[in-house]
Amino acid sequence: MHNIAFVLLRRIRSPLIVLICVYATSMLGFVIIPGMDDHGEPWQMDFFHAFYFVSFMGSTIGFGEIPYPFTNAQRMWTTVTIYSSVIAWLYAIGSLLSIVQDPAFRTLNRQNAFRRSISRIKSPFYLICGYGETSALLIKALTEAGIRSVVIDADQDRLNSLELEDYPLPVPGLCADVSLPEILVMGGLKNRYCVGCVALTDHDSINLKVALTSKLLNPSLKVIARAETQDAALNIASFGTDEIINPFETFAGRLALALHSPSMFMLFEWMTGVPHEPLCKPIYPPHGTWILCGYGRFGKAVHKRLVAEGVSATIIEEKPEMTEAPEGTVVGRGTEANTLLEADIENAVGIVAGTDDDSNNLSIVMTARELNPNLFIVARKNRRANASIFQAAQTSLTMQRGSVIAHKIFALITTPLLAEFLRLATKQNNAWAETLIERVSTIADDEAPQIWTVNINATDAPSFSHAIANGSRPKLHELYAHPCNRDDALPIFSLLLKRKSGETLLPDGNTLLEPDDQLLICGQHDIRNQMEWVLKNSNVFHYIHTGEERAQGWLWRKFVDKKSTTKKP
């Protein structure tokens, strides 16, 4: 049934039968009706000549009467045949055009094209369920990193915008219901090149279904799901989903981090940045009384973190009964000056405009700034299209749900070891983070640094692995050496060294490397390729390790060996 040729033939069965019958009857008539040759003798047309004549006459090409001029009877039959074949062709072509324009047939055609696109992918890819602002940011970052993506979404308008995007790599897309298992399988869930599934739809229930289906049909697959409620997150986590991301909890955690460790917050932002993203500037949220406008999912997450940091917060909520706001909540939207004055805006140090309406959030920001120009302003941006307006509002910190999710997923996909580094980094103090930020800023070149993982094994680092197997003990700083001048260092350094015996933050350059070491590297973009020379070229590694330049190529080695032999006394 999924064979488009079979479906097409089945749908045009009646027109095809009519066309065949008209042609067969026309050919039979020419064979039966007698003609006359050039000598005036009776002549009977055979089936080959009849087929040839009806073929060009039925399409109104009109080569003429063959092989001899027709009799009146033959010309009468030709007239009947012309009108019959033209009507049959009009019926067939009209039926074919209606079939091609039929929504069901067009859907089948798109599905077949989508299957062919998947079958042509011969490199690891991620199946992304749901296409919106979050997915667009994530796919852009992944394709710039050389990672393929496949998209399934139920809204054709969103997929139309996907086709208009100019991504570095082609991104196949399909309009279908991702909650159906057969659609996920069609999207490559069981494909051997599929390495992960990311559920980013607007509904937690669909994300739950996608994560559950992925784990049941392909247990080895890495599954990342978005969940905007605590209940959904717990439900998705119950069957082994690898990562569950709640954008509200994530941002609230970052805001709390900025309150007690501003440098650590900036370090997190830099480490999880997407390729070529500008470095964020440091922020210093003040301690004191804050005003929180909106007590929905976002407001509750922020309020919990503010309380945990020992920061008092006055809540403004339009419908406190519905959101179960605590006692002392000021009733209102926060867009009115009297509501903000009732919440004591004049003595507050910060305000969070956290409603689900961008217009209200911007109104809150402008009104609050007029009443207290010294406020630290945090605004929630719900739609990416409003980015320029929020930028003009000059807020201290802006929360965009899609950006928060995309940054975190990109970091999880490209560098799984980064999560381990960030976990260990949170145990350090603010001074440690400041020192690391200064080190990163010297190589960052005003954009987010590139973070990647190097494994000391025969695949990622064959030159190091071979040297260790032969008794050499290369040091970590040899990994940073410039392949053309060992005395110069590349703008990179190690954030984390992980081995069986334990983990080391910011390992020293004199650390001896061991087999199966895992290194989290931080460096400038496009520097990684130069580092690959040291990792994979034995001659370059020999020069870095010993300082001796070894001849490359068979002919050059023969020449050097002969030259050294002749110099011996």
Protein backbone atom coordinates (compact mmCIF):
# COMPACT_ATOMS: atom_id res chain seq x y z
CA MET A 1 0.00 0.00 0.00
CA HIS A 2 2.98 2.32 0.51
CA ASN A 3 4.13 1.72 -3.07
CA ILE A 4 3.19 4.96 -4.78
CA ALA A 5 3.15 3.35 -8.25
CA PHE A 6 0.69 0.70 -7.07
CA VAL A 7 -1.58 3.30 -5.47
CA LEU A 8 -1.45 5.46 -8.60
CA LEU A 9 -2.37 2.55 -10.89
CA ARG A 10 -5.21 1.53 -8.60
CA ARG A 11 -6.65 5.06 -8.55
CA ILE A 12 -6.56 5.43 -12.36
CA ARG A 13 -7.83 1.91 -13.02
CA SER A 14 -11.10 3.03 -14.63
CA PRO A 15 -9.56 5.66 -16.97
CA LEU A 16 -6.89 3.16 -17.94
CA ILE A 17 -9.49 0.50 -18.80
CA VAL A 18 -11.46 3.01 -20.87
CA LEU A 19 -8.32 4.04 -22.75
CA ILE A 20 -7.34 0.43 -23.45
CA CYS A 21 -10.85 -0.46 -24.66
CA VAL A 22 -10.95 2.56 -27.02
CA TYR A 23 -7.56 1.72 -28.49
CA ALA A 24 -8.37 -1.99 -28.82
CA THR A 25 -11.70 -1.30 -30.53
CA SER A 26 -10.09 1.24 -32.88
CA MET A 27 -7.32 -1.18 -33.86
CA LEU A 28 -9.83 -4.00 -34.43
CA GLY A 29 -11.92 -1.76 -36.72
CA PHE A 30 -8.95 -0.92 -38.92
CA VAL A 31 -8.03 -4.59 -39.19
CA ILE A 32 -11.60 -5.63 -40.16
CA ILE A 33 -12.47 -2.76 -42.56
CA PRO A 34 -10.92 -3.53 -45.99
CA GLY A 35 -8.74 -0.99 -47.77
CA MET A 36 -7.26 -0.61 -51.24
CA ASP A 37 -3.60 -0.64 -52.33
CA ASP A 38 -1.95 1.51 -55.03
CA HIS A 39 -2.98 -1.00 -57.74
CA GLY A 40 -6.67 -0.89 -56.83
CA GLU A 41 -6.55 -4.33 -55.25
CA PRO A 42 -8.27 -5.08 -51.89
CA TRP A 43 -5.84 -4.76 -48.95
CA GLN A 44 -6.24 -5.72 -45.28
CA MET A 45 -4.38 -3.75 -42.58
CA ASP A 46 -2.54 -5.93 -40.03
CA PHE A 47 -2.47 -5.32 -36.26
CA PHE A 48 1.00 -3.75 -36.31
CA HIS A 49 0.01 -1.05 -38.81
CA ALA A 50 -3.29 -0.56 -36.98
CA PHE A 51 -1.48 -0.07 -33.66
CA TYR A 52 0.99 2.33 -35.28
CA PHE A 53 -1.73 4.42 -36.92
CA VAL A 54 -3.99 4.57 -33.83
CA SER A 55 -1.01 5.52 -31.66
CA PHE A 56 -0.15 8.71 -33.54
CA MET A 57 -3.73 9.45 -34.60
CA GLY A 58 -5.09 9.07 -31.03
CA SER A 59 -2.59 11.66 -29.76
CA THR A 60 -3.65 14.00 -32.68
CA ILE A 61 -0.14 14.05 -34.16
CA GLY A 62 -1.50 13.17 -37.63
CA PHE A 63 1.26 11.74 -39.85
CA GLY A 64 -1.24 10.85 -42.60
CA GLU A 65 -2.89 7.73 -44.01
CA ILE A 66 -0.56 4.68 -44.17
CA PRO A 67 0.51 2.69 -45.99
CA TYR A 68 -2.04 3.57 -48.72
CA PRO A 69 -4.75 6.22 -48.98
CA PHE A 70 -7.86 5.22 -47.04
CA THR A 71 -11.26 4.30 -48.43
CA ASN A 72 -14.37 6.16 -47.33
CA ALA A 73 -15.16 3.40 -44.83
CA GLN A 74 -11.72 3.64 -43.29
CA ARG A 75 -11.92 7.43 -43.09
CA MET A 76 -15.33 7.22 -41.40
CA TRP A 77 -13.85 4.83 -38.83
CA THR A 78 -10.86 7.15 -38.39
CA THR A 79 -13.22 10.04 -37.56
CA VAL A 80 -15.02 7.93 -34.95
CA THR A 81 -11.69 6.80 -33.51
CA ILE A 82 -10.30 10.35 -33.28
CA TYR A 83 -13.21 11.63 -31.18
CA SER A 84 -13.27 8.47 -29.05
CA SER A 85 -9.53 8.55 -28.28
CA VAL A 86 -9.50 12.29 -27.54
CA ILE A 87 -12.38 11.89 -25.07
CA ALA A 88 -10.65 8.88 -23.48
CA TRP A 89 -7.39 10.85 -23.12
CA LEU A 90 -9.15 13.85 -21.60
CA TYR A 91 -10.84 11.56 -19.08
CA ALA A 92 -7.54 9.83 -18.22
CA ILE A 93 -5.52 13.04 -17.91
CA GLY A 94 -8.23 14.73 -15.85
CA SER A 95 -8.38 11.75 -13.49
CA LEU A 96 -4.59 11.75 -13.18
CA LEU A 97 -4.47 15.46 -12.32
CA SER A 98 -7.20 15.07 -9.68
CA ILE A 99 -5.29 12.17 -8.13
CA VAL A 100 -2.03 14.12 -8.02
CA GLN A 101 -3.83 16.98 -6.25
CA ASP A 102 -5.59 14.67 -3.81
CA PRO A 103 -4.40 15.35 -0.19
CA ALA A 104 -4.10 11.63 0.61
CA PHE A 105 -1.96 10.96 -2.45
CA ARG A 106 0.23 13.99 -1.74
CA THR A 107 0.70 12.77 1.83
CA LEU A 108 1.76 9.36 0.54
CA ASN A 109 4.12 11.02 -1.92
CA ARG A 110 5.74 13.07 0.87
CA GLN A 111 6.08 9.97 3.03
CA ASN A 112 7.84 8.10 0.24
CA ALA A 113 10.17 11.05 -0.36
CA PHE A 114 10.85 11.18 3.39
CA ARG A 115 11.68 7.44 3.46
CA ARG A 116 14.11 7.88 0.60
CA SER A 117 15.78 10.80 2.42
CA ILE A 118 16.22 8.66 5.53
CA SER A 119 17.65 5.76 3.54
CA ARG A 120 20.27 8.07 2.03
CA ILE A 121 21.63 9.13 5.44
CA LYS A 122 24.83 7.20 6.12
CA SER A 123 26.03 9.05 9.22
CA PRO A 124 24.75 9.35 12.83
CA PHE A 125 21.59 11.45 13.15
CA TYR A 126 19.06 12.51 15.79
CA LEU A 127 15.30 12.14 15.40
CA ILE A 128 13.69 15.39 16.60
CA CYS A 129 9.97 15.21 17.34
CA GLY A 130 8.33 18.63 17.13
CA TYR A 131 9.57 21.66 15.22
CA GLY A 132 9.38 25.09 16.78
CA GLU A 133 11.69 27.77 18.12
CA THR A 134 13.54 25.29 20.33
CA SER A 135 14.04 22.76 17.55
CA ALA A 136 15.13 25.45 15.09
CA LEU A 137 17.87 26.64 17.46
CA LEU A 138 18.95 23.08 18.24
CA ILE A 139 19.06 21.95 14.60
CA LYS A 140 21.05 25.03 13.60
CA ALA A 141 23.63 24.29 16.29
CA LEU A 142 23.79 20.58 15.45
CA THR A 143 24.17 21.09 11.71
CA GLU A 144 26.93 23.64 12.27
CA ALA A 145 28.66 20.98 14.38
CA GLY A 146 28.28 18.47 11.51
CA ILE A 147 25.51 16.39 13.12
CA ARG A 148 22.52 15.35 11.00
CA SER A 149 18.89 15.73 12.14
CA VAL A 150 15.49 14.39 11.06
CA VAL A 151 12.28 16.26 12.00
CA ILE A 152 8.68 15.09 12.46
CA ASP A 153 5.92 17.56 13.32
CA ALA A 154 2.14 17.57 13.05
CA ASP A 155 1.95 21.13 11.65
CA GLN A 156 2.66 21.48 7.93
CA ASP A 157 3.15 25.26 8.26
CA ARG A 158 6.07 24.68 10.62
CA LEU A 159 7.62 22.20 8.22
CA ASN A 160 7.26 24.76 5.44
CA SER A 161 9.42 27.10 7.50
CA LEU A 162 11.91 24.24 7.97
CA GLU A 163 12.28 23.94 4.19
CA LEU A 164 13.00 27.68 3.97
CA GLU A 165 15.83 27.51 6.51
CA ASP A 166 19.37 27.51 5.14
CA TYR A 167 20.98 24.87 7.35
CA PRO A 168 24.55 23.70 6.58
CA LEU A 169 23.23 20.11 6.22
CA PRO A 170 19.92 18.95 4.67
CA VAL A 171 17.22 18.23 7.26
CA PRO A 172 14.43 15.86 6.11
CA GLY A 173 10.99 16.70 7.54
CA LEU A 174 7.64 14.91 7.70
CA CYS A 175 4.19 16.16 8.68
CA ALA A 176 2.71 13.39 10.85
CA ASP A 177 1.54 12.51 14.35
CA VAL A 178 4.67 11.65 16.35
CA SER A 179 2.64 9.86 19.01
CA LEU A 180 2.12 6.97 16.56
CA PRO A 181 4.83 4.28 16.79
CA GLU A 182 4.81 3.59 13.04
CA ILE A 183 5.58 7.26 12.36
CA LEU A 184 8.61 7.14 14.66
CA VAL A 185 9.80 3.98 12.92
CA MET A 186 9.33 5.72 9.58
CA GLY A 187 11.46 8.58 10.91
CA GLY A 188 14.36 6.20 11.50
CA LEU A 189 13.83 5.14 15.12
CA LYS A 190 15.17 1.67 14.29
CA ASN A 191 17.69 2.87 11.73
CA ARG A 192 21.22 1.80 12.60
CA TYR A 193 22.47 5.37 12.12
CA CYS A 194 19.91 6.86 14.53
CA VAL A 195 21.75 7.63 17.78
CA GLY A 196 19.08 9.52 19.68
CA CYS A 197 15.51 10.78 19.88
CA VAL A 198 14.60 14.25 21.17
CA ALA A 199 10.96 14.91 22.16
CA LEU A 200 10.30 18.67 21.89
CA THR A 201 6.57 18.97 21.19
CA ASP A 202 4.37 21.51 23.00
CA HIS A 203 2.51 18.79 24.91
CA ASP A 204 3.97 16.80 27.80
CA SER A 205 1.67 13.87 27.06
CA ILE A 206 3.05 13.53 23.51
CA ASN A 207 6.63 13.86 24.76
CA LEU A 208 5.85 11.10 27.25
CA LYS A 209 4.51 8.85 24.47
CA VAL A 210 7.53 9.53 22.25
CA ALA A 211 10.01 8.77 25.04
CA LEU A 212 8.15 5.60 26.02
CA THR A 213 7.94 4.34 22.43
CA SER A 214 11.61 5.08 21.80
CA LYS A 215 12.77 3.18 24.86
CA LEU A 216 10.57 0.18 24.09
CA LEU A 217 11.40 -0.10 20.38
CA ASN A 218 15.09 0.81 20.66
CA PRO A 219 16.35 0.53 24.27
CA SER A 220 19.94 1.47 23.33
CA LEU A 221 18.82 4.82 21.94
CA LYS A 222 19.65 8.05 23.81
CA VAL A 223 16.31 9.70 24.62
CA ILE A 224 15.96 13.36 25.66
CA ALA A 225 12.53 14.73 26.50
CA ARG A 226 11.10 18.11 27.38
CA ALA A 227 8.75 18.33 30.36
CA GLU A 228 7.20 21.52 31.70
CA THR A 229 5.54 20.08 34.80
CA GLN A 230 6.96 18.12 37.70
CA ASP A 231 4.42 15.32 37.29
CA ALA A 232 5.32 14.87 33.63
CA ALA A 233 9.03 14.84 34.43
CA LEU A 234 8.59 12.12 37.04
CA ASN A 235 6.43 10.07 34.69
CA ILE A 236 8.94 10.33 31.82
CA ALA A 237 11.80 9.44 34.15
CA SER A 238 10.06 6.29 35.38
CA PHE A 239 11.03 4.18 32.36
CA GLY A 240 14.66 5.17 31.95
CA THR A 241 14.66 8.32 29.80
CA ASP A 242 18.25 9.55 29.64
CA GLU A 243 17.62 13.27 30.09
CA ILE A 244 14.51 15.25 31.06
CA ILE A 245 14.66 19.02 30.65
CA ASN A 246 12.31 21.43 32.37
CA PRO A 247 13.11 24.91 30.99
CA PHE A 248 11.55 26.69 33.97
CA GLU A 249 13.50 24.69 36.55
CA THR A 250 16.69 25.05 34.51
CA PHE A 251 16.43 28.83 34.24
CA ALA A 252 15.42 29.20 37.87
CA GLY A 253 18.48 27.20 38.84
CA ARG A 254 20.70 29.47 36.73
CA LEU A 255 19.17 32.58 38.34
CA ALA A 256 19.84 31.13 41.79
CA LEU A 257 23.40 30.36 40.70
CA ALA A 258 23.85 33.96 39.58
CA LEU A 259 22.65 35.16 43.01
CA HIS A 260 25.25 33.30 45.04
CA SER A 261 28.02 32.89 42.42
CA PRO A 262 27.87 35.32 39.45
CA SER A 263 31.12 34.04 37.96
CA MET A 264 29.90 30.45 38.10
CA PHE A 265 26.72 31.51 36.29
CA MET A 266 28.77 33.15 33.54
CA LEU A 267 30.96 30.04 33.30
CA PHE A 268 27.86 27.85 32.80
CA GLU A 269 26.59 30.18 30.07
CA TRP A 270 29.93 30.12 28.26
CA MET A 271 30.37 26.37 28.49
CA THR A 272 26.89 25.58 27.14
CA GLY A 273 26.95 28.13 24.32
CA VAL A 274 26.19 27.10 20.75
CA PRO A 275 28.78 27.60 17.96
CA HIS A 276 29.70 31.24 17.23
CA GLU A 277 27.39 32.61 19.93
CA PRO A 278 28.64 35.90 21.46
CA LEU A 279 29.93 35.65 25.01
CA CYS A 280 27.42 36.88 27.58
CA LYS A 281 28.36 39.72 29.88
CA PRO A 282 28.62 39.23 33.66
CA ILE A 283 25.53 39.96 35.75
CA TYR A 284 25.28 40.59 39.48
CA PRO A 285 21.73 40.07 40.82
CA PRO A 286 21.33 41.93 44.14
CA HIS A 287 20.17 40.41 47.42
CA GLY A 288 17.10 41.92 49.00
CA THR A 289 13.38 41.95 48.32
CA TRP A 290 12.24 40.84 44.87
CA ILE A 291 8.86 41.12 43.16
CA LEU A 292 7.62 38.13 41.18
CA CYS A 293 4.85 38.84 38.62
CA GLY A 294 3.05 35.64 37.65
CA TYR A 295 2.81 32.48 39.74
CA GLY A 296 2.47 29.85 37.03
CA ARG A 297 4.96 27.10 36.25
CA PHE A 298 7.78 29.58 35.71
CA GLY A 299 6.89 31.73 38.70
CA LYS A 300 6.71 28.75 41.05
CA ALA A 301 10.12 27.48 39.93
CA VAL A 302 11.74 30.90 40.41
CA HIS A 303 10.03 31.48 43.76
CA LYS A 304 11.27 28.14 45.11
CA ARG A 305 14.86 28.94 44.13
CA LEU A 306 14.70 32.49 45.50
CA VAL A 307 13.47 31.20 48.86
CA ALA A 308 16.24 28.57 48.88
CA GLU A 309 18.79 31.37 48.40
CA GLY A 310 17.32 33.28 51.35
CA VAL A 311 15.79 35.98 49.14
CA SER A 312 12.34 37.28 50.06
CA ALA A 313 9.86 37.68 47.21
CA THR A 314 6.51 39.44 46.94
CA ILE A 315 4.19 37.71 44.48
CA ILE A 316 1.79 39.46 42.12
CA GLU A 317 -0.79 37.14 40.57
CA GLU A 318 -4.01 37.89 38.68
CA LYS A 319 -5.72 34.62 39.66
CA PRO A 320 -4.21 33.51 42.99
CA GLU A 321 -6.91 30.90 43.66
CA MET A 322 -6.25 29.09 40.40
CA THR A 323 -2.44 29.05 40.79
CA GLU A 324 -2.53 28.32 44.55
CA ALA A 325 -0.44 31.39 45.34
CA PRO A 326 0.72 31.76 48.98
CA GLU A 327 -0.72 34.18 51.49
CA GLY A 328 0.30 37.77 51.07
CA THR A 329 0.03 37.64 47.29
CA VAL A 330 -0.92 40.95 45.66
CA VAL A 331 -3.85 40.47 43.27
CA GLY A 332 -3.20 41.93 39.81
CA ARG A 333 -1.16 41.53 36.65
CA GLY A 334 1.71 43.81 37.58
CA THR A 335 1.21 45.99 34.52
CA GLU A 336 -0.53 48.66 36.62
CA ALA A 337 1.45 51.12 38.71
CA ASN A 338 -0.88 50.79 41.72
CA THR A 339 -0.34 47.03 41.85
CA LEU A 340 3.43 47.43 41.81
CA LEU A 341 3.25 50.16 44.46
CA GLU A 342 1.14 47.85 46.63
CA ALA A 343 3.95 45.28 46.30
CA ASP A 344 6.41 47.97 47.53
CA ILE A 345 8.27 48.35 44.24
CA GLU A 346 10.12 51.41 45.56
CA ASN A 347 12.04 49.33 48.12
CA ALA A 348 12.56 46.24 45.93
CA VAL A 349 15.94 45.36 44.39
CA GLY A 350 14.71 43.15 41.57
CA ILE A 351 11.62 42.14 39.61
CA VAL A 352 10.72 39.07 37.55
CA ALA A 353 8.20 39.58 34.75
CA GLY A 354 7.23 35.94 34.35
CA THR A 355 3.77 35.75 32.77
CA ASP A 356 3.02 33.75 29.62
CA ASP A 357 2.23 36.91 27.63
CA ASP A 358 5.10 38.93 26.14
CA SER A 359 3.07 42.12 25.94
CA ASN A 360 2.27 41.96 29.66
CA ASN A 361 5.89 41.19 30.52
CA LEU A 362 7.14 44.19 28.55
CA SER A 363 4.48 46.40 30.15
CA ILE A 364 5.59 45.20 33.60
CA VAL A 365 9.22 46.01 32.74
CA MET A 366 8.48 49.53 31.52
CA THR A 367 6.14 50.39 34.40
CA ALA A 368 8.50 49.01 37.03
CA ARG A 369 11.48 50.92 35.61
CA GLU A 370 9.57 54.19 35.83
CA LEU A 371 8.76 53.56 39.51
CA ASN A 372 12.26 52.27 40.41
CA PRO A 373 15.06 52.87 37.85
CA ASN A 374 17.59 50.86 39.90
CA LEU A 375 15.78 47.53 39.63
CA PHE A 376 17.47 44.35 38.44
CA ILE A 377 14.97 43.21 35.79
CA VAL A 378 14.40 39.60 34.72
CA ALA A 379 11.91 39.10 31.89
CA ARG A 380 10.41 35.98 30.39
CA LYS A 381 10.35 35.98 26.59
CA ASN A 382 7.79 33.52 25.24
CA ARG A 383 8.26 34.08 21.50
CA ARG A 384 11.55 34.30 19.65
CA ALA A 385 10.02 36.78 17.19
CA ASN A 386 9.87 39.37 19.98
CA ALA A 387 13.63 39.24 20.60
CA SER A 388 14.26 42.73 19.19
CA ILE A 389 11.61 44.26 21.47
CA PHE A 390 13.09 42.67 24.59
CA GLN A 391 16.54 43.78 23.50
CA ALA A 392 15.26 47.34 23.18
CA ALA A 393 13.74 47.07 26.68
CA GLN A 394 17.29 46.52 28.03
CA THR A 395 16.42 43.95 30.66
CA SER A 396 19.15 42.68 32.97
CA LEU A 397 18.41 39.03 32.16
CA THR A 398 16.00 37.48 29.66
CA MET A 399 14.59 33.99 29.85
CA GLN A 400 13.64 32.38 26.54
CA ARG A 401 12.30 28.88 26.97
CA GLY A 402 13.51 27.63 23.58
CA SER A 403 17.02 28.96 24.05
CA VAL A 404 17.37 27.38 27.50
CA ILE A 405 16.32 23.95 26.23
CA ALA A 406 18.33 24.11 22.99
CA HIS A 407 21.55 25.08 24.77
CA LYS A 408 21.26 22.29 27.30
CA ILE A 409 20.38 19.59 24.74
CA PHE A 410 23.20 20.69 22.44
CA ALA A 411 25.68 20.35 25.28
CA LEU A 412 24.32 16.91 26.23
CA ILE A 413 24.50 15.64 22.64
CA THR A 414 27.88 16.98 21.59
CA THR A 415 29.83 16.66 24.84
CA PRO A 416 28.29 14.29 27.42
CA LEU A 417 31.38 14.77 29.60
CA LEU A 418 30.47 18.47 30.00
CA ALA A 419 27.64 17.58 32.39
CA GLU A 420 30.18 15.86 34.63
CA PHE A 421 32.44 18.91 34.54
CA LEU A 422 29.59 21.29 35.42
CA ARG A 423 28.54 19.03 38.30
CA LEU A 424 32.06 19.16 39.75
CA ALA A 425 32.38 22.89 39.03
CA THR A 426 29.35 23.73 41.20
CA LYS A 427 31.28 22.40 44.21
CA GLN A 428 33.96 25.06 43.70
CA ASN A 429 33.81 28.64 44.94
CA ASN A 430 33.27 31.87 43.01
CA ALA A 431 36.99 32.72 43.01
CA TRP A 432 37.76 29.44 41.23
CA ALA A 433 35.16 30.29 38.60
CA GLU A 434 36.63 33.79 38.13
CA THR A 435 40.09 32.33 37.50
CA LEU A 436 38.70 29.89 34.94
CA ILE A 437 36.72 32.66 33.20
CA GLU A 438 39.90 34.71 32.81
CA ARG A 439 41.61 31.69 31.29
CA VAL A 440 38.74 31.05 28.89
CA SER A 441 38.52 34.72 27.88
CA THR A 442 42.15 34.65 26.70
CA ILE A 443 41.29 32.05 24.04
CA ALA A 444 37.56 32.64 23.48
CA ASP A 445 37.94 35.45 20.92
CA ASP A 446 34.60 37.12 21.89
CA GLU A 447 32.48 34.05 21.10
CA ALA A 448 31.52 30.93 22.99
CA PRO A 449 34.44 28.46 23.06
CA GLN A 450 34.22 25.06 21.43
CA ILE A 451 34.00 22.15 23.86
CA TRP A 452 34.81 18.61 22.78
CA THR A 453 35.97 15.27 24.18
CA VAL A 454 39.20 13.42 23.38
CA ASN A 455 39.59 9.74 24.25
CA ILE A 456 43.13 8.38 24.51
CA ASN A 457 42.53 5.23 22.50
CA ALA A 458 43.41 3.74 19.12
CA THR A 459 40.44 5.47 17.45
CA ASP A 460 40.60 9.09 18.67
CA ALA A 461 44.33 9.33 19.46
CA PRO A 462 46.23 6.53 17.67
CA SER A 463 49.62 8.27 17.92
CA PHE A 464 49.32 8.71 21.72
CA SER A 465 47.87 5.22 22.16
CA HIS A 466 50.68 3.64 20.13
CA ALA A 467 53.34 5.55 22.05
CA ILE A 468 51.91 4.48 25.42
CA ALA A 469 51.76 0.85 24.25
CA ASN A 470 55.48 1.06 23.33
CA GLY A 471 56.47 2.33 26.76
CA SER A 472 56.43 6.10 26.22
CA ARG A 473 54.58 8.37 28.64
CA PRO A 474 53.36 11.46 26.79
CA LYS A 475 52.30 14.43 28.87
CA LEU A 476 49.11 16.41 28.63
CA HIS A 477 50.80 19.61 27.42
CA GLU A 478 51.97 17.74 24.30
CA LEU A 479 48.31 17.68 23.29
CA TYR A 480 48.30 21.48 23.11
CA ALA A 481 51.54 21.88 21.12
CA HIS A 482 51.39 23.47 17.68
CA PRO A 483 52.03 20.79 15.04
CA CYS A 484 54.48 23.06 13.18
CA ASN A 485 56.32 24.47 16.21
CA ARG A 486 56.38 22.46 19.41
CA ASP A 487 57.42 25.52 21.42
CA ASP A 488 54.12 27.25 20.64
CA ALA A 489 50.84 26.18 22.24
CA LEU A 490 47.44 26.06 20.58
CA PRO A 491 44.68 28.18 22.21
CA ILE A 492 43.19 25.17 24.04
CA PHE A 493 43.33 23.58 27.50
CA SER A 494 41.73 20.71 29.42
CA LEU A 495 38.73 21.27 31.66
CA LEU A 496 38.47 17.74 33.00
CA LEU A 497 40.49 14.52 33.04
CA LYS A 498 38.45 11.39 33.66
CA ARG A 499 40.03 7.99 34.22
CA LYS A 500 39.17 4.84 36.12
CA SER A 501 40.93 6.09 39.27
CA GLY A 502 38.93 9.32 39.43
CA GLU A 503 38.31 12.75 37.94
CA THR A 504 40.54 15.82 37.92
CA LEU A 505 39.38 19.37 37.27
CA LEU A 506 41.74 21.52 35.22
CA PRO A 507 44.56 18.94 35.09
CA ASP A 508 48.15 20.18 35.01
CA GLY A 509 50.01 20.14 31.70
CA ASN A 510 52.66 17.80 33.13
CA THR A 511 50.07 15.10 33.87
CA LEU A 512 51.11 11.77 32.33
CA LEU A 513 48.45 10.33 30.07
CA GLU A 514 47.18 6.79 30.45
CA PRO A 515 45.22 4.45 28.17
CA ASP A 516 41.45 5.15 28.02
CA ASP A 517 41.79 8.61 29.56
CA GLN A 518 38.92 10.96 28.71
CA LEU A 519 39.69 14.65 28.31
CA LEU A 520 37.22 17.53 28.07
CA ILE A 521 38.90 20.16 25.90
CA CYS A 522 38.08 23.87 25.65
CA GLY A 523 39.42 25.92 22.77
CA GLN A 524 38.80 28.29 19.90
CA HIS A 525 36.64 27.24 17.00
CA ASP A 526 38.48 25.64 14.06
CA ILE A 527 41.49 24.82 16.26
CA ARG A 528 40.37 21.24 16.74
CA ASN A 529 41.59 20.26 13.26
CA GLN A 530 45.15 21.33 14.12
CA MET A 531 45.00 19.29 17.30
CA GLU A 532 43.97 16.25 15.22
CA TRP A 533 47.40 16.30 13.56
CA VAL A 534 49.07 15.61 16.89
CA LEU A 535 46.52 12.97 17.84
CA LYS A 536 46.53 10.97 14.61
CA ASN A 537 49.80 11.64 12.77
CA SER A 538 52.65 9.60 14.22
CA ASN A 539 55.32 11.77 12.59
CA VAL A 540 53.87 14.97 14.03
CA PHE A 541 53.57 13.33 17.46
CA HIS A 542 57.19 12.13 17.24
CA TYR A 543 58.28 15.72 16.57
CA ILE A 544 56.20 17.05 19.46
CA HIS A 545 57.37 14.32 21.86
CA THR A 546 61.09 14.22 20.99
CA GLY A 547 61.81 17.41 19.06
CA GLU A 548 63.13 15.39 16.13
CA GLU A 549 61.61 15.77 12.68
CA ARG A 550 61.09 12.35 11.17
CA ALA A 551 61.14 11.95 7.40
CA GLN A 552 57.75 11.37 5.83
CA GLY A 553 57.12 9.27 2.75
CA TRP A 554 59.01 6.21 1.49
CA LEU A 555 61.24 8.09 -0.99
CA TRP A 556 62.23 10.79 1.50
CA ARG A 557 63.03 8.20 4.19
CA LYS A 558 65.24 6.29 1.73
CA PHE A 559 67.05 9.53 0.88
CA VAL A 560 67.61 10.43 4.54
CA ASP A 561 68.79 6.90 5.40
CA LYS A 562 71.26 6.92 2.48
CA LYS A 563 72.53 10.37 3.42
CA SER A 564 73.11 9.36 7.05
CA THR A 565 74.92 6.19 5.91
CA THR A 566 77.36 8.09 3.69
CA LYS A 567 78.29 10.41 6.56
CA LYS A 568 79.54 7.51 8.70
CA PRO A 569 83.41 7.21 8.78
